[in-house]
């Protein structure tokens, strides 16, 4: 039975005047010069295709996934005049937990984007903790590197942000300052494209007509499947264990990572001296650690981290997820585009996943806004291909670099480890090399969309 389209679940959010500076109109910028394979079975035929004219569409763009990336993309279009609907499979968040389980390392470029969208100031200070240095060292050698924000003349290299708090802030800004509609507890079941529109069927049976569909619904993207886009998927045979802990020594606003033979272990600074840990281990070892009692896990964790922050005083709930490297064979289909984890995922050792997604959202918004300013069909393949060429190359390069680091540190062979340690020490002594690495990692260099350029 179809839900009432006039219910609060489908009600567009109220619109208010945007205050100068905080949510100022976003300029459109022109741009020049801009494993195993999962095979998705083809289910649509030409007989399924129907016609949806722009004038009869319920909205101009439907975004599947109201998480960090989908919500940011919607906000980037808030001054465009385009009618946007976000559809999310989960319930509407009313608040966020006091102790985060999942966090993201937000670099300067992503912070700049969120500030321009009026979101950054809405995230509570205790849910976005700046880190002023990054310290990495190798368990199999004496090699180490330390990056400091002072070397670039900035206050922080980035922030560790609670995902739930950031998502909540994104939704608050969408609800208070845009005409966009948010639809929760709903899933797109069918996508039927035509030459100038797309007909969507939701799980409830409701029909939506739109001009462009965006997949921002995560690594198991339903939109990607319905769009018949194949995904190259490499399984690392590792599990990431995530928890919030309180070490006995203060973290000093430093993000730390130790490269162990089994995989990296990161301690990311949070408020009140707490840290979010991300520990990558083989599946069988992960099972042992997840089943261990708190005392045994805390001892193993402190030992694996070389007691760099002392012992573990308190330990929050542990969660885990399997690690994959994924990359869609294409980011676009007929009147469809993928952003964020729907298009790509990488190993968390570099903390770049969310930042890649925000850059995707900013790039696609820039391409769409540029087409709108020229009275072009923003959902046609030639426009969407411009986005794909831009971002797929950038994301491929990031994935290759991260894969190189993962392979480099996976070996505990004596000679290889010694050479690795020497390389780390030489890099640590080179101000030029460290500046180059830091500038790219935090978003001060590279082929960046205008919205994320600091």
Protein backbone atom coordinates (compact mmCIF):
# COMPACT_ATOMS: atom_id res chain seq x y z
CA UNK A 1 0.00 0.00 0.00
CA UNK A 2 1.45 3.37 -1.04
CA UNK A 3 2.19 5.85 1.71
CA UNK A 4 0.41 9.17 1.85
CA UNK A 5 2.56 11.61 -0.17
CA UNK A 6 1.37 14.43 2.10
CA UNK A 7 2.64 12.76 5.27
CA UNK A 8 5.54 14.34 7.18
CA UNK A 9 7.80 11.62 5.85
CA UNK A 10 7.61 13.05 2.36
CA UNK A 11 7.08 16.69 3.25
CA UNK A 12 9.63 19.09 1.73
CA UNK A 13 11.50 21.00 4.39
CA UNK A 14 10.73 24.66 5.01
CA UNK A 15 12.74 27.36 3.31
CA UNK A 16 14.19 30.42 4.98
CA UNK A 17 16.25 33.36 3.79
CA UNK A 18 19.94 32.60 3.84
CA UNK A 19 21.99 34.84 6.06
CA UNK A 20 24.98 36.51 4.39
CA UNK A 21 28.30 34.75 4.75
CA UNK A 22 27.13 31.58 6.49
CA UNK A 23 25.11 30.16 3.62
CA UNK A 24 25.95 32.57 0.83
CA UNK A 25 25.01 31.57 -2.73
CA UNK A 26 27.60 29.29 -4.27
CA UNK A 27 29.14 30.53 -7.47
CA UNK A 28 29.23 28.24 -10.46
CA UNK A 29 32.66 27.76 -11.91
CA UNK A 30 33.45 26.68 -15.43
CA UNK A 31 36.19 24.09 -15.85
CA UNK A 32 38.56 23.71 -18.72
CA UNK A 33 40.79 20.83 -19.49
CA UNK A 34 38.99 19.44 -16.96
CA UNK A 35 40.65 -8.74 -8.65
CA UNK A 36 37.47 -9.97 -9.08
CA UNK A 37 34.65 -8.40 -10.92
CA UNK A 38 31.10 -8.51 -9.62
CA UNK A 39 28.85 -8.87 -12.67
CA UNK A 40 25.42 -7.31 -12.28
CA UNK A 41 22.72 -9.21 -14.23
CA UNK A 42 20.83 -7.15 -16.77
CA UNK A 43 17.17 -6.98 -15.84
CA UNK A 44 15.84 -3.98 -17.78
CA UNK A 45 14.75 -4.18 -21.40
CA UNK A 46 13.67 -1.54 -23.87
CA UNK A 47 10.06 -2.42 -23.05
CA UNK A 48 10.67 -1.21 -19.48
CA UNK A 49 11.71 2.27 -20.61
CA UNK A 50 9.09 4.98 -20.19
CA UNK A 51 9.10 8.68 -20.92
CA UNK A 52 9.37 11.32 -18.18
CA UNK A 53 9.46 14.90 -19.42
CA UNK A 54 11.26 17.54 -17.32
CA UNK A 55 8.01 19.42 -16.83
CA UNK A 56 6.19 16.36 -15.45
CA UNK A 57 8.99 15.22 -13.13
CA UNK A 58 8.33 15.30 -9.37
CA UNK A 59 11.84 16.68 -8.88
CA UNK A 60 14.99 17.34 -10.85
CA UNK A 61 17.39 15.11 -8.90
CA UNK A 62 16.83 12.13 -6.60
CA UNK A 63 19.72 11.18 -4.32
CA UNK A 64 19.71 7.67 -2.90
CA UNK A 65 21.47 7.91 0.46
CA UNK A 66 21.20 10.81 2.92
CA UNK A 67 24.53 10.10 4.57
CA UNK A 68 27.53 12.42 4.63
CA UNK A 69 28.20 12.50 0.89
CA UNK A 70 24.64 12.47 -0.44
CA UNK A 71 23.60 15.21 1.99
CA UNK A 72 26.63 17.36 1.12
CA UNK A 73 25.86 17.02 -2.59
CA UNK A 74 22.27 18.11 -1.96
CA UNK A 75 23.46 21.18 -0.05
CA UNK A 76 25.91 22.07 -2.82
CA UNK A 77 22.86 22.44 -5.11
CA UNK A 78 20.79 24.48 -2.65
CA UNK A 79 21.14 27.75 -4.60
CA UNK A 80 20.64 26.20 -8.04
CA UNK A 81 16.85 26.27 -8.17
CA UNK A 82 16.87 22.51 -8.81
CA UNK A 83 14.30 20.42 -6.94
CA UNK A 84 16.13 17.73 -4.98
CA UNK A 85 14.79 14.72 -3.05
CA UNK A 86 16.96 12.57 -0.78
CA UNK A 87 15.80 8.99 -0.21
CA UNK A 88 17.37 7.03 2.65
CA UNK A 89 16.79 3.45 3.77
CA UNK A 90 17.27 4.24 7.46
CA UNK A 91 15.13 6.07 10.02
CA UNK A 92 15.37 9.82 10.49
CA UNK A 93 18.10 10.54 13.07
CA UNK A 94 16.74 12.46 16.07
CA UNK A 95 20.07 12.86 17.85
CA UNK A 96 23.50 11.22 17.97
CA UNK A 97 25.22 9.05 20.61
CA UNK A 98 27.52 10.58 23.21
CA UNK A 99 30.29 8.09 22.40
CA UNK A 100 30.99 7.74 18.65
CA UNK A 101 31.67 4.35 17.12
CA UNK A 102 32.56 5.55 13.62
CA UNK A 103 34.57 8.68 12.91
CA UNK A 104 36.14 10.26 9.83
CA UNK A 105 39.40 12.13 9.40
CA UNK A 106 38.21 15.32 7.68
CA UNK A 107 40.97 17.15 5.83
CA UNK A 108 41.23 20.88 5.19
CA UNK A 109 39.57 20.64 1.77
CA UNK A 110 36.50 18.83 3.11
CA UNK A 111 36.33 21.22 6.08
CA UNK A 112 36.36 24.14 3.65
CA UNK A 113 33.45 22.64 1.72
CA UNK A 114 31.43 21.99 4.87
CA UNK A 115 32.08 25.53 6.13
CA UNK A 116 30.91 27.04 2.83
CA UNK A 117 27.75 24.94 3.02
CA UNK A 118 27.03 26.28 6.53
CA UNK A 119 27.51 22.87 8.16
CA UNK A 120 30.87 23.05 9.94
CA UNK A 121 29.72 25.54 12.58
CA UNK A 122 26.71 23.30 13.37
CA UNK A 123 28.92 20.38 14.46
CA UNK A 124 29.58 20.63 18.24
CA UNK A 125 33.20 21.35 19.12
CA UNK A 126 33.50 18.18 21.17
CA UNK A 127 32.50 16.15 18.08
CA UNK A 128 35.24 17.62 15.83
CA UNK A 129 38.69 17.41 17.35
CA UNK A 130 41.62 19.01 15.51
CA UNK A 131 44.84 17.07 15.16
CA UNK A 132 48.04 19.06 14.89
CA UNK A 133 50.38 16.22 13.97
CA UNK A 134 50.44 12.75 12.43
CA UNK A 135 52.90 10.19 13.75
CA UNK A 136 53.55 6.86 12.04
CA UNK A 137 56.10 4.17 12.86
CA UNK A 138 57.00 0.69 11.71
CA UNK A 139 56.91 -2.24 14.12
CA UNK A 140 59.35 -4.25 11.98
CA UNK A 141 62.02 -1.55 11.78
CA UNK A 142 63.16 1.67 13.43
CA UNK A 143 61.54 3.84 10.74
CA UNK A 144 59.14 6.63 11.68
CA UNK A 145 57.69 9.84 10.24
CA UNK A 146 56.06 12.79 11.98
CA UNK A 147 54.06 15.42 10.10
CA UNK A 148 53.24 18.68 11.90
CA UNK A 149 50.81 21.43 10.95
CA UNK A 150 53.34 24.08 12.00
CA UNK A 151 55.54 22.98 9.10
CA UNK A 152 52.83 24.27 6.74
CA UNK A 153 52.03 27.33 8.83
CA UNK A 154 48.51 26.13 9.69
CA UNK A 155 46.80 25.34 12.99
CA UNK A 156 45.73 21.76 12.25
CA UNK A 157 46.18 19.06 9.61
CA UNK A 158 42.53 18.07 9.92
CA UNK A 159 39.79 17.06 12.36
CA UNK A 160 38.53 13.74 13.66
CA UNK A 161 34.75 14.07 13.37
CA UNK A 162 31.96 11.89 14.73
CA UNK A 163 30.06 10.63 11.67
CA UNK A 164 26.65 10.71 13.35
CA UNK A 165 27.14 14.29 14.58
CA UNK A 166 28.21 15.44 11.12
CA UNK A 167 25.27 13.72 9.46
CA UNK A 168 22.90 15.27 11.99
CA UNK A 169 24.34 18.73 11.25
CA UNK A 170 23.99 18.19 7.49
CA UNK A 171 20.33 17.30 7.92
CA UNK A 172 19.72 20.30 10.18
CA UNK A 173 21.04 22.65 7.52
CA UNK A 174 19.06 20.91 4.76
CA UNK A 175 15.87 21.22 6.81
CA UNK A 176 16.41 24.86 7.81
CA UNK A 177 17.87 26.44 4.70
CA UNK A 178 16.81 24.51 1.59
CA UNK A 179 13.58 23.50 -0.14
CA UNK A 180 14.90 19.95 -0.52
CA UNK A 181 12.78 16.96 0.54
CA UNK A 182 14.07 14.21 2.86
CA UNK A 183 12.45 10.76 2.64
CA UNK A 184 13.42 8.17 5.27
CA UNK A 185 12.73 4.43 5.65
CA UNK A 186 12.47 4.10 1.89
CA UNK A 187 14.41 2.35 -0.88
CA UNK A 188 14.49 2.69 -4.65
CA UNK A 189 13.27 -0.61 -6.09
CA UNK A 190 13.31 0.13 -9.82
CA UNK A 191 14.88 2.63 -12.20
CA UNK A 192 13.40 3.08 -15.68
CA UNK A 193 15.24 5.64 -17.80
CA UNK A 194 14.14 7.41 -20.96
CA UNK A 195 15.75 9.97 -23.24
CA UNK A 196 14.82 12.89 -20.99
CA UNK A 197 13.91 11.49 -17.58
CA UNK A 198 13.83 8.60 -15.12
CA UNK A 199 10.86 6.87 -13.50
CA UNK A 200 11.57 5.47 -10.05
CA UNK A 201 9.57 2.96 -8.05
CA UNK A 202 10.12 2.98 -4.29
CA UNK A 203 9.72 -0.05 -2.03
CA UNK A 204 6.46 1.40 -0.73
CA UNK A 205 5.09 1.43 -4.27
CA UNK A 206 5.32 5.20 -4.61
CA UNK A 207 6.34 6.47 -8.06
CA UNK A 208 8.78 9.34 -8.59
CA UNK A 209 9.69 11.05 -11.83
CA UNK A 210 13.07 12.79 -12.01
CA UNK A 211 15.74 13.87 -14.45
CA UNK A 212 18.83 12.48 -12.68
CA UNK A 213 19.46 9.74 -10.10
CA UNK A 214 22.49 9.86 -7.79
CA UNK A 215 23.84 6.78 -6.04
CA UNK A 216 25.26 7.83 -2.65
CA UNK A 217 24.03 4.71 -0.89
CA UNK A 218 27.31 3.11 0.12
CA UNK A 219 29.53 0.23 -1.02
CA UNK A 220 26.56 -2.11 -1.54
CA UNK A 221 24.79 0.51 -3.60
CA UNK A 222 21.34 -0.44 -4.78
CA UNK A 223 21.43 2.34 -7.37
CA UNK A 224 24.67 0.95 -8.79
CA UNK A 225 23.06 -2.48 -9.08
CA UNK A 226 19.90 -1.12 -10.69
CA UNK A 227 22.04 0.96 -13.06
CA UNK A 228 23.80 -2.26 -14.14
CA UNK A 229 27.25 -0.93 -13.26
CA UNK A 230 29.87 -3.57 -12.46
CA UNK A 231 32.17 -3.22 -9.46
CA UNK A 232 35.78 -4.45 -9.25
CA UNK A 233 36.06 -5.85 -5.73
CA UNK A 234 39.27 -7.00 -4.02
CA UNK A 235 38.91 -8.53 -0.54
CA UNK A 236 41.87 -7.91 1.78
CA UNK A 237 41.19 -10.94 4.04
CA UNK A 238 41.34 -8.45 6.90
CA UNK A 239 38.79 -7.05 9.34
CA UNK A 240 38.88 -3.56 10.82
CA UNK A 241 38.02 -3.43 14.53
CA UNK A 242 36.67 -0.07 15.70
CA UNK A 243 36.19 1.14 19.30
CA UNK A 244 36.46 4.22 21.48
CA UNK A 245 39.05 3.94 24.25
CA UNK A 246 40.57 6.08 26.99
CA UNK A 247 44.36 5.61 27.24
CA UNK A 248 46.23 6.51 30.42
CA UNK A 249 48.35 9.12 28.61
CA UNK A 250 47.01 12.20 26.80
CA UNK A 251 46.95 11.99 23.01
CA UNK A 252 48.11 15.60 22.67
CA UNK A 253 45.93 16.07 19.55
CA UNK A 254 48.20 13.78 17.54
CA UNK A 255 46.86 11.12 15.16
CA UNK A 256 49.04 8.04 15.50
CA UNK A 257 49.43 4.87 13.46
CA UNK A 258 51.68 1.87 13.96
CA UNK A 259 52.30 -0.46 11.03
CA UNK A 260 52.28 -4.04 12.32
CA UNK A 261 53.05 -7.17 10.25
CA UNK A 262 49.34 -8.12 10.43
CA UNK A 263 48.06 -4.64 9.52
CA UNK A 264 48.00 -1.02 10.73
CA UNK A 265 46.64 0.16 14.10
CA UNK A 266 45.52 3.79 14.41
CA UNK A 267 44.67 5.88 17.47
CA UNK A 268 42.69 8.97 16.44
CA UNK A 269 42.23 11.79 19.00
CA UNK A 270 38.77 12.55 20.38
CA UNK A 271 37.52 14.85 23.16
CA UNK A 272 38.19 14.23 26.86
CA UNK A 273 41.42 12.41 26.08
CA UNK A 274 39.64 9.53 24.35
CA UNK A 275 40.75 7.94 21.08
CA UNK A 276 38.96 6.14 18.30
CA UNK A 277 40.94 3.06 17.30
CA UNK A 278 40.93 1.34 13.91
CA UNK A 279 42.79 -1.98 14.04
CA UNK A 280 43.25 -3.97 10.84
CA UNK A 281 43.90 -7.68 11.46
CA UNK A 282 43.33 -10.99 9.63
CA UNK A 283 39.82 -12.39 9.96
CA UNK A 284 40.73 -15.19 12.41
CA UNK A 285 42.64 -12.81 14.68
CA UNK A 286 39.74 -10.35 14.53
CA UNK A 287 37.36 -13.05 15.74
CA UNK A 288 39.62 -13.74 18.73
CA UNK A 289 39.86 -10.05 19.61
CA UNK A 290 36.13 -9.44 19.25
CA UNK A 291 35.32 -12.42 21.50
CA UNK A 292 37.91 -11.49 24.15
CA UNK A 293 36.73 -9.83 27.36
CA UNK A 294 37.45 -6.13 27.84
CA UNK A 295 40.50 -6.68 30.03
CA UNK A 296 42.16 -9.07 27.57
CA UNK A 297 41.37 -6.84 24.60
CA UNK A 298 42.75 -3.76 26.39
CA UNK A 299 46.01 -5.56 27.16
CA UNK A 300 46.38 -6.78 23.57
CA UNK A 301 45.60 -3.31 22.23
CA UNK A 302 48.13 -1.50 24.42
CA UNK A 303 50.80 -4.06 23.55
CA UNK A 304 50.11 -3.82 19.80
CA UNK A 305 50.43 -0.04 20.07
CA UNK A 306 53.80 -0.38 21.79
CA UNK A 307 52.29 1.28 24.91
CA UNK A 308 52.77 4.60 23.13
CA UNK A 309 49.84 6.06 25.11
CA UNK A 310 50.25 3.88 28.17
CA UNK A 311 47.60 1.36 29.16
CA UNK A 312 43.90 1.39 28.27
CA UNK A 313 41.75 2.63 31.15
CA UNK A 314 38.28 2.31 29.62
CA UNK A 315 36.95 0.60 26.54
CA UNK A 316 33.72 1.21 24.63
CA UNK A 317 31.78 -1.31 22.52
CA UNK A 318 33.70 -2.96 19.69
CA UNK A 319 32.41 -3.13 16.12
CA UNK A 320 34.01 -4.45 12.96
CA UNK A 321 33.74 -4.49 9.19
CA UNK A 322 35.57 -6.44 6.46
CA UNK A 323 38.08 -4.53 4.36
CA UNK A 324 37.73 -4.27 0.58
CA UNK A 325 39.17 -2.24 -2.23
CA UNK A 326 36.36 -1.47 -4.65
CA UNK A 327 36.09 0.60 -7.79
CA UNK A 328 33.14 0.86 -10.15
CA UNK A 329 33.95 0.22 -13.80
CA UNK A 330 32.15 3.45 -14.61
CA UNK A 331 30.67 6.23 -12.47
CA UNK A 332 27.77 6.95 -14.80
CA UNK A 333 24.92 5.33 -16.71
CA UNK A 334 21.83 6.74 -18.44
CA UNK A 335 20.78 9.71 -16.27
CA UNK A 336 22.60 8.19 -13.30
CA UNK A 337 25.83 8.98 -11.44
CA UNK A 338 27.68 7.47 -8.47
CA UNK A 339 29.52 9.37 -5.73
CA UNK A 340 31.43 8.33 -2.60
CA UNK A 341 31.49 4.72 -1.44
CA UNK A 342 28.95 3.77 -4.10
CA UNK A 343 31.75 4.33 -6.63
CA UNK A 344 34.89 3.42 -4.67
CA UNK A 345 36.29 2.30 -1.33
CA UNK A 346 39.91 2.12 -0.16
CA UNK A 347 41.80 0.73 2.82
CA UNK A 348 41.30 3.03 5.86
CA UNK A 349 45.05 3.26 6.59
CA UNK A 350 45.27 6.75 5.02
CA UNK A 351 41.94 8.05 6.33
CA UNK A 352 41.00 9.45 2.92
CA UNK A 353 37.70 7.68 2.17
CA UNK A 354 35.30 10.41 3.32
CA UNK A 355 37.45 13.13 1.75
CA UNK A 356 37.34 11.40 -1.62
CA UNK A 357 33.56 11.29 -1.32
CA UNK A 358 33.23 14.98 -0.49
CA UNK A 359 35.44 15.81 -3.49
CA UNK A 360 33.16 13.66 -5.68
CA UNK A 361 30.12 15.56 -4.43
CA UNK A 362 31.77 18.93 -5.01
CA UNK A 363 32.95 17.97 -8.50
CA UNK A 364 29.57 16.62 -9.61
CA UNK A 365 27.81 19.70 -8.20
CA UNK A 366 30.22 21.95 -10.09
CA UNK A 367 29.59 20.08 -13.35
CA UNK A 368 25.80 20.13 -12.86
CA UNK A 369 25.74 23.84 -11.93
CA UNK A 370 27.92 24.69 -14.91
CA UNK A 371 25.48 22.87 -17.23
CA UNK A 372 22.49 24.63 -15.62
CA UNK A 373 24.16 28.02 -16.12
CA UNK A 374 24.50 27.21 -19.84
CA UNK A 375 20.90 25.93 -20.14
CA UNK A 376 22.18 22.46 -20.96
CA UNK A 377 20.66 19.13 -19.94
CA UNK A 378 22.65 18.52 -16.75
CA UNK A 379 21.73 14.81 -16.73
CA UNK A 380 22.92 13.90 -20.22
CA UNK A 381 25.90 11.59 -20.70
CA UNK A 382 28.22 14.25 -22.11
CA UNK A 383 27.84 16.31 -18.93
CA UNK A 384 28.10 13.33 -16.58
CA UNK A 385 31.13 12.02 -18.48
CA UNK A 386 32.95 15.23 -17.62
CA UNK A 387 32.47 14.40 -13.91
CA UNK A 388 33.59 10.80 -14.43
CA UNK A 389 36.78 11.75 -16.28
CA UNK A 390 37.64 14.23 -13.53
CA UNK A 391 37.03 12.12 -10.46
CA UNK A 392 37.70 8.57 -11.62
CA UNK A 393 41.28 9.42 -12.51
CA UNK A 394 41.86 11.15 -9.18
CA UNK A 395 40.34 8.28 -7.21
CA UNK A 396 42.31 5.69 -9.17
CA UNK A 397 45.55 7.48 -8.27
CA UNK A 398 44.61 7.60 -4.56
CA UNK A 399 43.73 3.89 -4.61
CA UNK A 400 47.05 3.00 -6.24
CA UNK A 401 49.06 5.01 -3.71
CA UNK A 402 47.21 3.46 -0.76
CA UNK A 403 47.61 -0.01 -2.24
CA UNK A 404 51.34 0.66 -2.61
CA UNK A 405 51.62 1.61 1.08
CA UNK A 406 49.59 -1.44 2.11
CA UNK A 407 51.83 -3.78 0.09
CA UNK A 408 55.00 -2.06 1.30
CA UNK A 409 54.15 -2.51 4.98
CA UNK A 410 52.63 -5.98 4.62
CA UNK A 411 56.08 -7.59 4.44
CA UNK A 412 57.98 -8.31 7.67
CA UNK A 413 61.00 -9.69 5.80
CA UNK A 414 64.21 -8.47 7.46
CA UNK A 415 65.98 -6.79 4.51
CA UNK A 416 62.74 -5.33 3.16
CA UNK A 417 61.80 -3.98 6.59
CA UNK A 418 65.22 -2.38 7.06
CA UNK A 419 65.02 -0.67 3.66
CA UNK A 420 61.49 0.49 4.49
CA UNK A 421 62.70 1.93 7.77
CA UNK A 422 65.55 3.76 6.04
CA UNK A 423 63.08 5.20 3.53
CA UNK A 424 60.79 6.41 6.31
CA UNK A 425 63.67 8.06 8.16
CA UNK A 426 64.93 9.77 5.00
CA UNK A 427 61.43 11.07 4.28
CA UNK A 428 61.13 12.35 7.84
CA UNK A 429 64.33 14.37 7.36
CA UNK A 430 63.20 15.90 4.05
CA UNK A 431 61.11 19.02 4.63
CA UNK A 432 60.36 19.22 0.89
CA UNK A 433 59.06 15.66 0.66
CA UNK A 434 57.00 15.97 3.82
CA UNK A 435 55.47 19.23 2.59
CA UNK A 436 54.56 17.60 -0.74
CA UNK A 437 52.88 14.63 1.00
CA UNK A 438 51.02 16.81 3.52
CA UNK A 439 49.75 19.32 0.96
CA UNK A 440 48.18 16.57 -1.14
CA UNK A 441 46.79 14.67 1.84
CA UNK A 442 45.02 17.66 3.40
CA UNK A 443 43.71 19.10 0.14
CA UNK A 444 46.02 22.02 -0.56
CA UNK A 445 47.20 20.55 -3.88
CA UNK A 446 45.70 18.54 -6.71
CA UNK A 447 42.91 18.90 -9.24
CA UNK A 448 40.27 20.06 -6.76
CA UNK A 449 36.70 21.34 -7.27
CA UNK A 450 36.22 25.01 -6.46
CA UNK A 451 33.97 24.25 -3.49
CA UNK A 452 36.75 22.41 -1.59
CA UNK A 453 39.67 24.68 -2.42
CA UNK A 454 40.87 26.35 0.81
